[in-house]
Protein backbone atom coordinates (compact mmCIF):
# COMPACT_ATOMS: atom_id res chain seq x y z
CA UNK A 1 -5.96 23.11 -0.92
CA UNK A 2 -8.38 25.64 -2.48
CA UNK A 3 -8.79 23.32 -5.46
CA UNK A 4 -9.38 20.35 -3.17
CA UNK A 5 -11.73 22.26 -0.86
CA UNK A 6 -13.79 23.38 -3.83
CA UNK A 7 -14.16 19.78 -5.02
CA UNK A 8 -15.10 18.58 -1.53
CA UNK A 9 -17.76 21.26 -1.10
CA UNK A 10 -19.19 20.57 -4.54
CA UNK A 11 -19.48 16.83 -3.92
CA UNK A 12 -20.82 17.28 -0.38
CA UNK A 13 -23.83 19.21 -1.66
CA UNK A 14 -25.29 15.95 -2.98
CA UNK A 15 -25.13 14.42 0.51
CA UNK A 16 -23.66 11.11 1.55
CA UNK A 17 -20.12 10.21 2.57
CA UNK A 18 -17.36 9.68 0.00
CA UNK A 19 -13.66 9.24 -0.73
CA UNK A 20 -11.82 11.75 -2.90
CA UNK A 21 -8.47 10.94 -4.53
CA UNK A 22 -6.30 13.80 -5.79
CA UNK A 23 -4.37 13.02 -8.99
CA UNK A 24 -2.03 16.01 -8.65
CA UNK A 25 -0.87 14.73 -5.27
CA UNK A 26 -0.41 11.21 -6.65
CA UNK A 27 1.75 12.57 -9.47
CA UNK A 28 3.87 14.59 -7.02
CA UNK A 29 4.63 11.52 -4.94
CA UNK A 30 5.47 9.40 -7.99
CA UNK A 31 7.83 12.13 -9.20
CA UNK A 32 9.54 12.11 -5.79
CA UNK A 33 10.16 8.37 -6.12
CA UNK A 34 11.61 8.74 -9.59
CA UNK A 35 13.89 11.56 -8.48
CA UNK A 36 15.13 9.53 -5.50
CA UNK A 37 15.81 6.32 -7.44
CA UNK A 38 16.59 7.15 -11.08
CA UNK A 39 17.98 3.65 -11.71
CA UNK A 40 14.84 1.88 -10.50
CA UNK A 41 11.49 0.98 -12.00
CA UNK A 42 8.36 1.16 -9.88
CA UNK A 43 5.39 -1.11 -9.30
CA UNK A 44 2.12 0.22 -7.96
CA UNK A 45 0.83 -1.92 -5.08
CA UNK A 46 -2.78 -2.30 -6.20
CA UNK A 47 -3.96 -3.64 -2.84
CA UNK A 48 -3.37 -0.16 -1.36
CA UNK A 49 -6.12 1.34 -3.47
CA UNK A 50 -7.75 -0.60 -6.32
CA UNK A 51 -9.91 2.29 -7.53
CA UNK A 52 -9.82 2.04 -11.36
CA UNK A 53 -9.12 5.75 -11.83
CA UNK A 54 -6.23 5.57 -9.38
CA UNK A 55 -4.76 2.52 -11.13
CA UNK A 56 -5.13 4.15 -14.55
CA UNK A 57 -3.56 7.37 -13.31
CA UNK A 58 -0.56 5.65 -11.74
CA UNK A 59 0.01 3.45 -14.79
CA UNK A 60 -0.06 6.54 -17.02
CA UNK A 61 3.15 7.58 -15.25
CA UNK A 62 4.95 4.46 -16.46
CA UNK A 63 4.55 2.28 -13.37
CA UNK A 64 3.95 -1.45 -13.50
CA UNK A 65 1.80 -3.34 -11.01
CA UNK A 66 2.41 -5.44 -7.93
CA UNK A 67 -0.67 -7.66 -7.69
CA UNK A 68 -1.82 -9.87 -4.82
CA UNK A 69 -4.68 -11.75 -6.50
CA UNK A 70 -5.87 -12.80 -9.93
CA UNK A 71 -8.51 -10.08 -9.67
CA UNK A 72 -5.74 -7.50 -9.33
CA UNK A 73 -3.96 -9.02 -12.32
CA UNK A 74 -7.11 -8.40 -14.35
CA UNK A 75 -7.37 -4.84 -12.98
CA UNK A 76 -3.80 -4.12 -14.08
CA UNK A 77 -4.48 -5.66 -17.49
CA UNK A 78 -7.59 -3.50 -17.85
CA UNK A 79 -5.45 -0.43 -17.14
CA UNK A 80 -3.39 -1.27 -20.22
CA UNK A 81 -0.36 -3.00 -18.69
CA UNK A 82 1.32 -5.83 -20.59
CA UNK A 83 2.12 -9.18 -18.91
CA UNK A 84 5.77 -8.23 -18.39
CA UNK A 85 4.64 -5.18 -16.39
CA UNK A 86 2.42 -7.17 -14.01
CA UNK A 87 3.96 -9.14 -11.13
CA UNK A 88 1.69 -11.56 -9.30
CA UNK A 89 3.02 -12.20 -5.82
CA UNK A 90 0.83 -13.64 -3.07
CA UNK A 91 0.86 -16.72 -0.85
CA UNK A 92 -1.57 -19.55 -1.50
CA UNK A 93 -2.02 -19.33 -5.26
CA UNK A 94 -4.10 -22.24 -6.48
CA UNK A 95 -3.36 -24.22 -9.64
CA UNK A 96 -6.33 -22.43 -11.23
CA UNK A 97 -4.90 -19.04 -10.24
CA UNK A 98 -1.61 -20.01 -11.84
CA UNK A 99 -3.15 -21.30 -15.07
CA UNK A 100 -5.28 -18.17 -15.46
CA UNK A 101 -2.48 -15.73 -14.64
CA UNK A 102 0.54 -17.31 -16.33
CA UNK A 103 -0.10 -15.65 -19.70
CA UNK A 104 -1.14 -12.35 -18.14
CA UNK A 105 1.63 -11.70 -15.63
CA UNK A 106 5.00 -12.69 -14.21
CA UNK A 107 4.29 -15.24 -11.50
CA UNK A 108 6.24 -14.98 -8.25
CA UNK A 109 6.31 -18.33 -6.43
CA UNK A 110 5.75 -17.99 -2.70
CA UNK A 111 6.65 -21.59 -1.75
CA UNK A 112 8.39 -24.66 -3.11
CA UNK A 113 4.96 -26.26 -3.53
CA UNK A 114 3.90 -23.30 -5.62
CA UNK A 115 6.99 -23.69 -7.77
CA UNK A 116 5.92 -27.26 -8.45
CA UNK A 117 2.39 -26.10 -9.34
CA UNK A 118 3.85 -23.55 -11.75
CA UNK A 119 6.04 -26.29 -13.25
CA UNK A 120 2.97 -28.53 -13.67
CA UNK A 121 0.92 -25.77 -15.34
CA UNK A 122 3.77 -24.85 -17.68
CA UNK A 123 4.32 -28.53 -18.54
CA UNK A 124 0.63 -29.03 -19.32
CA UNK A 125 0.70 -26.16 -21.79
CA UNK A 126 4.10 -27.08 -23.24
CA UNK A 127 5.63 -23.73 -22.27
CA UNK A 128 8.94 -22.65 -20.82
CA UNK A 129 7.76 -20.19 -18.24
CA UNK A 130 9.91 -17.39 -16.81
CA UNK A 131 8.91 -16.83 -13.18
CA UNK A 132 10.26 -15.31 -10.00
CA UNK A 133 10.54 -16.48 -6.42
CA UNK A 134 9.80 -14.67 -3.20
CA UNK A 135 12.61 -15.24 -0.73
CA UNK A 136 12.54 -15.09 3.05
CA UNK A 137 16.19 -14.07 3.40
CA UNK A 138 18.75 -14.88 6.07
CA UNK A 139 18.66 -11.23 7.17
CA UNK A 140 15.92 -9.08 8.67
CA UNK A 141 14.84 -5.62 7.50
CA UNK A 142 16.97 -4.03 10.20
CA UNK A 143 20.01 -6.10 9.29
CA UNK A 144 19.81 -8.78 11.99
CA UNK A 145 19.22 -12.49 11.41
CA UNK A 146 16.19 -13.64 9.44
CA UNK A 147 13.06 -15.01 11.08
CA UNK A 148 10.20 -17.34 10.18
CA UNK A 149 7.46 -15.96 7.95
CA UNK A 150 4.29 -16.95 6.14
CA UNK A 151 5.75 -15.19 3.11
CA UNK A 152 8.35 -16.56 0.73
CA UNK A 153 10.80 -19.45 0.77
CA UNK A 154 13.59 -19.53 3.34
CA UNK A 155 16.81 -18.64 1.54
CA UNK A 156 18.73 -21.82 2.40
CA UNK A 157 15.66 -23.97 1.67
CA UNK A 158 15.34 -22.43 -1.78
CA UNK A 159 18.96 -23.18 -2.71
CA UNK A 160 18.57 -26.79 -1.59
CA UNK A 161 15.29 -27.19 -3.47
CA UNK A 162 16.64 -25.80 -6.74
CA UNK A 163 19.76 -27.98 -6.48
CA UNK A 164 17.68 -31.14 -5.98
CA UNK A 165 14.58 -30.46 -8.09
CA UNK A 166 14.75 -30.12 -11.88
CA UNK A 167 12.24 -27.58 -13.19
CA UNK A 168 12.18 -28.40 -16.88
CA UNK A 169 9.50 -25.88 -17.80
CA UNK A 170 10.36 -23.06 -15.40
CA UNK A 171 13.23 -20.60 -15.54
CA UNK A 172 13.75 -18.51 -12.40
CA UNK A 173 14.29 -15.04 -13.78
CA UNK A 174 13.89 -12.88 -10.71
CA UNK A 175 13.69 -12.64 -6.95
CA UNK A 176 11.37 -10.69 -4.69
CA UNK A 177 11.68 -9.77 -1.01
CA UNK A 178 9.34 -7.70 1.15
CA UNK A 179 10.03 -7.64 4.87
CA UNK A 180 8.46 -4.47 6.25
CA UNK A 181 6.15 -1.57 5.51
CA UNK A 182 6.06 2.01 6.76
CA UNK A 183 9.76 2.66 7.40
CA UNK A 184 10.63 6.33 7.95
CA UNK A 185 14.37 5.98 8.63
CA UNK A 186 16.45 6.49 5.50
CA UNK A 187 19.52 4.79 6.96
CA UNK A 188 17.57 1.59 7.67
CA UNK A 189 16.22 1.51 4.12
CA UNK A 190 19.69 2.10 2.67
CA UNK A 191 21.16 -0.82 4.63
CA UNK A 192 18.26 -3.04 3.57
CA UNK A 193 18.93 -2.24 -0.09
CA UNK A 194 22.61 -3.05 0.42
CA UNK A 195 21.69 -6.47 1.80
CA UNK A 196 19.29 -7.02 -1.09
CA UNK A 197 21.95 -6.42 -3.72
CA UNK A 198 24.23 -8.83 -1.91
CA UNK A 199 21.38 -11.38 -1.87
CA UNK A 200 20.99 -11.03 -5.64
CA UNK A 201 24.68 -11.80 -6.17
CA UNK A 202 24.52 -14.78 -3.81
CA UNK A 203 21.45 -16.13 -5.58
CA UNK A 204 23.14 -16.01 -8.98
CA UNK A 205 26.28 -17.67 -7.63
CA UNK A 206 24.41 -20.51 -5.92
CA UNK A 207 21.78 -21.21 -8.58
CA UNK A 208 23.33 -20.16 -11.88
CA UNK A 209 20.14 -18.30 -12.83
CA UNK A 210 20.88 -14.83 -14.25
CA UNK A 211 18.41 -12.33 -12.84
CA UNK A 212 16.14 -10.39 -15.14
CA UNK A 213 14.67 -8.50 -12.20
CA UNK A 214 15.32 -7.83 -8.54
CA UNK A 215 12.23 -6.70 -6.65
CA UNK A 216 13.29 -4.85 -3.50
CA UNK A 217 9.72 -4.79 -2.22
CA UNK A 218 8.24 -1.77 -0.53
CA UNK A 219 9.05 -0.24 2.84
CA UNK A 220 9.05 3.52 2.30
CA UNK A 221 6.64 5.04 4.77
CA UNK A 222 4.52 8.18 4.93
CA UNK A 223 3.98 10.38 8.00
CA UNK A 224 0.69 9.64 9.72
CA UNK A 225 0.95 11.17 13.18
CA UNK A 226 1.89 14.85 13.67
CA UNK A 227 4.87 13.46 15.60
CA UNK A 228 6.17 11.49 12.60
CA UNK A 229 9.25 12.80 10.84
CA UNK A 230 8.82 12.29 7.06
CA UNK A 231 11.23 9.99 5.27
CA UNK A 232 14.30 12.03 4.23
CA UNK A 233 14.34 11.30 0.50
CA UNK A 234 17.33 13.54 -0.14
CA UNK A 235 19.40 11.62 2.40
CA UNK A 236 18.15 8.33 0.98
CA UNK A 237 19.14 9.38 -2.52
CA UNK A 238 22.60 10.44 -1.40
CA UNK A 239 23.31 7.24 0.52
CA UNK A 240 21.98 4.87 -2.15
CA UNK A 241 23.00 6.53 -5.43
CA UNK A 242 26.40 4.83 -5.60
CA UNK A 243 24.94 1.52 -4.43
CA UNK A 244 22.23 1.46 -7.10
CA UNK A 245 24.57 2.70 -9.82
CA UNK A 246 27.14 0.04 -8.94
CA UNK A 247 24.61 -2.78 -9.14
CA UNK A 248 23.22 -1.40 -12.40
CA UNK A 249 26.73 -1.33 -13.87
CA UNK A 250 27.53 -4.90 -12.81
CA UNK A 251 24.03 -6.17 -13.74
CA UNK A 252 22.95 -4.08 -16.74
CA UNK A 253 20.30 -6.64 -17.75
CA UNK A 254 18.68 -6.80 -14.30
CA UNK A 255 15.75 -4.47 -13.70
CA UNK A 256 15.69 -3.00 -10.20
CA UNK A 257 12.07 -2.91 -9.05
CA UNK A 258 10.62 -1.05 -6.07
CA UNK A 259 7.02 -1.37 -4.96
CA UNK A 260 5.42 1.95 -4.12
CA UNK A 261 3.41 0.57 -1.21
CA UNK A 262 1.31 3.39 0.21
CA UNK A 263 3.83 6.09 -0.73
CA UNK A 264 2.27 6.95 -4.10
CA UNK A 265 -1.32 7.35 -2.92
CA UNK A 266 -1.57 7.36 0.87
CA UNK A 267 -1.39 11.13 1.37
CA UNK A 268 -3.51 11.76 -1.73
CA UNK A 269 -6.88 10.60 -0.43
CA UNK A 270 -9.52 12.09 1.85
CA UNK A 271 -12.59 10.57 3.45
CA UNK A 272 -15.44 13.06 3.66
CA UNK A 273 -18.55 12.66 5.78
CA UNK A 274 -21.07 15.00 7.39
CA UNK A 275 -22.57 15.71 10.78
CA UNK A 276 -25.97 14.04 11.16
CA UNK A 277 -26.74 15.03 14.72
CA UNK A 278 -25.38 16.93 17.68
CA UNK A 279 -26.02 15.88 21.26
CA UNK A 280 -24.74 16.45 24.79
CA UNK A 281 -24.55 13.65 27.34
CA UNK A 282 -23.59 14.52 30.93
CA UNK A 283 -21.63 17.51 29.77
CA UNK A 284 -19.87 15.75 26.86
CA UNK A 285 -20.59 16.89 23.29
CA UNK A 286 -21.04 14.23 20.62
CA UNK A 287 -21.20 14.84 16.88
CA UNK A 288 -22.86 11.91 15.14
CA UNK A 289 -21.29 11.36 11.73
CA UNK A 290 -22.46 9.39 8.75
CA UNK A 291 -20.40 6.22 8.20
CA UNK A 292 -17.35 6.21 10.47
CA UNK A 293 -16.34 2.63 11.30
CA UNK A 294 -18.18 1.44 8.19
CA UNK A 295 -16.82 4.33 6.13
CA UNK A 296 -13.13 4.49 7.10
CA UNK A 297 -12.01 1.76 9.46
CA UNK A 298 -8.40 2.67 10.22
CA UNK A 299 -8.82 5.69 12.55
CA UNK A 300 -11.56 3.86 14.48
CA UNK A 301 -9.35 0.80 14.85
CA UNK A 302 -6.38 2.95 15.90
CA UNK A 303 -8.45 4.48 18.67
CA UNK A 304 -9.57 1.03 19.88
CA UNK A 305 -6.04 -0.39 19.89
CA UNK A 306 -4.62 2.58 21.77
CA UNK A 307 -7.49 2.51 24.24
CA UNK A 308 -7.06 -1.13 25.20
CA UNK A 309 -3.30 -1.60 24.81
CA UNK A 310 -1.15 -1.17 27.94
CA UNK A 311 1.57 0.28 25.70
CA UNK A 312 1.22 4.07 25.26
CA UNK A 313 2.59 3.67 21.71
CA UNK A 314 1.55 0.23 20.45
CA UNK A 315 3.59 -1.34 17.69
CA UNK A 316 2.02 -1.02 14.25
CA UNK A 317 0.31 -3.94 12.53
CA UNK A 318 0.17 -3.08 8.85
CA UNK A 319 -1.95 -2.39 7.00
CA UNK A 320 -4.62 -2.20 9.69
CA UNK A 321 -2.88 0.01 12.23
CA UNK A 322 0.12 2.31 12.11
CA UNK A 323 0.08 4.61 15.13
CA UNK A 324 -1.94 6.77 17.48
CA UNK A 325 -3.49 9.87 15.86
CA UNK A 326 -2.85 8.50 12.39
CA UNK A 327 -5.47 10.66 10.67
CA UNK A 328 -6.11 14.39 10.75
CA UNK A 329 -9.57 15.96 10.95
CA UNK A 330 -10.48 18.86 8.64
CA UNK A 331 -13.70 20.91 8.76
CA UNK A 332 -13.16 23.61 6.09
CA UNK A 333 -14.39 26.13 8.65
CA UNK A 334 -12.64 29.48 8.76
CA UNK A 335 -13.20 30.07 12.47
CA UNK A 336 -10.72 28.68 15.01
CA UNK A 337 -11.40 25.62 17.22
CA UNK A 338 -13.85 26.52 19.93
CA UNK A 339 -15.20 23.36 21.53
CA UNK A 340 -14.18 19.88 22.63
CA UNK A 341 -16.14 17.14 20.87
CA UNK A 342 -16.22 13.41 20.27
CA UNK A 343 -16.81 12.26 16.70
CA UNK A 344 -18.97 9.13 16.72
CA UNK A 345 -20.71 7.23 13.97
CA UNK A 346 -24.28 6.19 13.30
CA UNK A 347 -23.75 2.45 13.86
CA UNK A 348 -25.32 0.63 16.80
CA UNK A 349 -22.00 -0.09 18.51
CA UNK A 350 -20.05 1.89 21.09
CA UNK A 351 -16.85 1.13 19.15
CA UNK A 352 -17.98 3.44 16.35
CA UNK A 353 -15.92 6.47 17.41
CA UNK A 354 -13.43 8.14 15.11
CA UNK A 355 -11.96 10.68 17.54
CA UNK A 356 -12.54 11.53 21.19
CA UNK A 357 -12.36 14.86 23.02
CA UNK A 358 -10.72 16.84 20.23
CA UNK A 359 -10.90 20.59 19.63
CA UNK A 360 -12.85 21.68 16.54
CA UNK A 361 -14.76 24.71 15.32
CA UNK A 362 -18.46 24.64 16.20
CA UNK A 363 -20.24 22.19 13.89
CA UNK A 364 -23.93 21.66 13.26
CA UNK A 365 -25.85 18.95 11.36
CA UNK A 366 -25.00 19.19 7.67
CA UNK A 367 -21.43 20.45 8.22
CA UNK A 368 -18.56 18.62 6.52
CA UNK A 369 -15.83 16.62 8.24
CA UNK A 370 -12.87 15.33 6.18
CA UNK A 371 -10.33 12.75 7.34
CA UNK A 372 -6.80 12.72 5.92
CA UNK A 373 -4.46 9.85 4.98
CA UNK A 374 -7.29 8.02 3.24
CA UNK A 375 -5.59 7.27 -0.05
CA UNK A 376 -4.34 3.79 0.83
CA UNK A 377 -5.68 0.89 2.91
CA UNK A 378 -8.86 2.86 3.50
CA UNK A 379 -11.82 1.96 1.32
CA UNK A 380 -10.06 -1.34 0.54
CA UNK A 381 -10.14 -2.42 4.20
CA UNK A 382 -13.38 -0.96 5.50
CA UNK A 383 -16.41 -3.22 6.25
CA UNK A 384 -18.97 -1.31 4.19
CA UNK A 385 -21.58 -4.01 4.72
CA UNK A 386 -21.86 -3.36 8.48
CA UNK A 387 -25.48 -2.53 9.39
CA UNK A 388 -26.54 -2.42 5.71
CA UNK A 389 -25.76 1.29 5.51
CA UNK A 390 -25.27 3.00 2.16
CA UNK A 391 -21.72 2.52 0.90
CA UNK A 392 -19.55 5.66 0.59
CA UNK A 393 -18.92 6.77 -2.97
CA UNK A 394 -15.44 7.15 -4.49
CA UNK A 395 -14.44 10.13 -6.62
CA UNK A 396 -11.27 11.07 -8.46
CA UNK A 397 -10.08 14.64 -8.93
CA UNK A 398 -7.98 14.79 -12.10
CA UNK A 399 -4.94 17.00 -12.51
CA UNK A 400 -7.07 19.24 -14.76
CA UNK A 401 -9.72 19.61 -12.06
CA UNK A 402 -12.37 17.26 -13.45
CA UNK A 403 -14.23 15.06 -10.98
CA UNK A 404 -14.69 11.42 -12.05
CA UNK A 405 -16.89 8.86 -10.35
């Protein structure tokens, strides 16, 4: 923390709000994933944080990329990844998206219509294209029956389609499923993986396509609230080691892929702003911060949802909202908390409040406030254009201690 605090203080001297991403923390979380799943390969979910330094850093650790747009395909390519390391999975790909991405990535078809568009593009170019399909399986993440979804092709529908529709220029070489994010229960994840391996075997039996890859999707969560119990990676490793090893033995030519989701970067980012003004209204102390709602949306949105929901613990809606108190507030002050304050922003809307009636050390204009859990779905989701304010900067703290912009 001393290393991080030093970087924050140094950057804050120039004024303005900013994000800071810590490479050492990113590397620690990637190493945890590799230790937990030694038989798996990992894909960085670029939509979590598309900062070029973050992408480059993650890819330097041997991770491929899960991309959700052609723009993300190009970002992964720019980071040095080869087409076989880039997986392009998103609903609603246009024919132009497909034509532009087919030589740069492995396409994952999200619908039967998309499979036909991939077939048409491959036929036009005279190629035999190896692609994957995203499946909406007959099971849910928790092990119950499957449900309708905007994502993927219903499992039974896919088998029927492939049996009835010749795809002369497309070979289905892999399957992809993603049903849930932010799971903190190791036993639920283990059962999901078990169902996924069974799905892979069923797919091969029904279609005759040997799988080159099985993408298990994401799902591993990070603790946001102080009440969250972190995912027990040791327990997850113990309960899945035999399962993964068994599938690897029976399918030695099938790569087992896991998307990192927010796990690799979520705890490795901080949003830093400063106090612009201090005021008291009818006995209540307000600290006016630079860029709150238009600097880091998630904690503001969490407060709004919890304020207006009748449920004391509203269900998460990823990636916009996870839980109450999903971000911590740091001040880098040595003195203990001494006053109750509300942290509000400088936008002309009453919704622009990041925290209400919390205990903090005494702060004056110019003091620093840092918000945790800002490494994923933070800058990527925030409406920076609101009120034409100056956009927060993004900085990257390398493992060696160098600050990159």
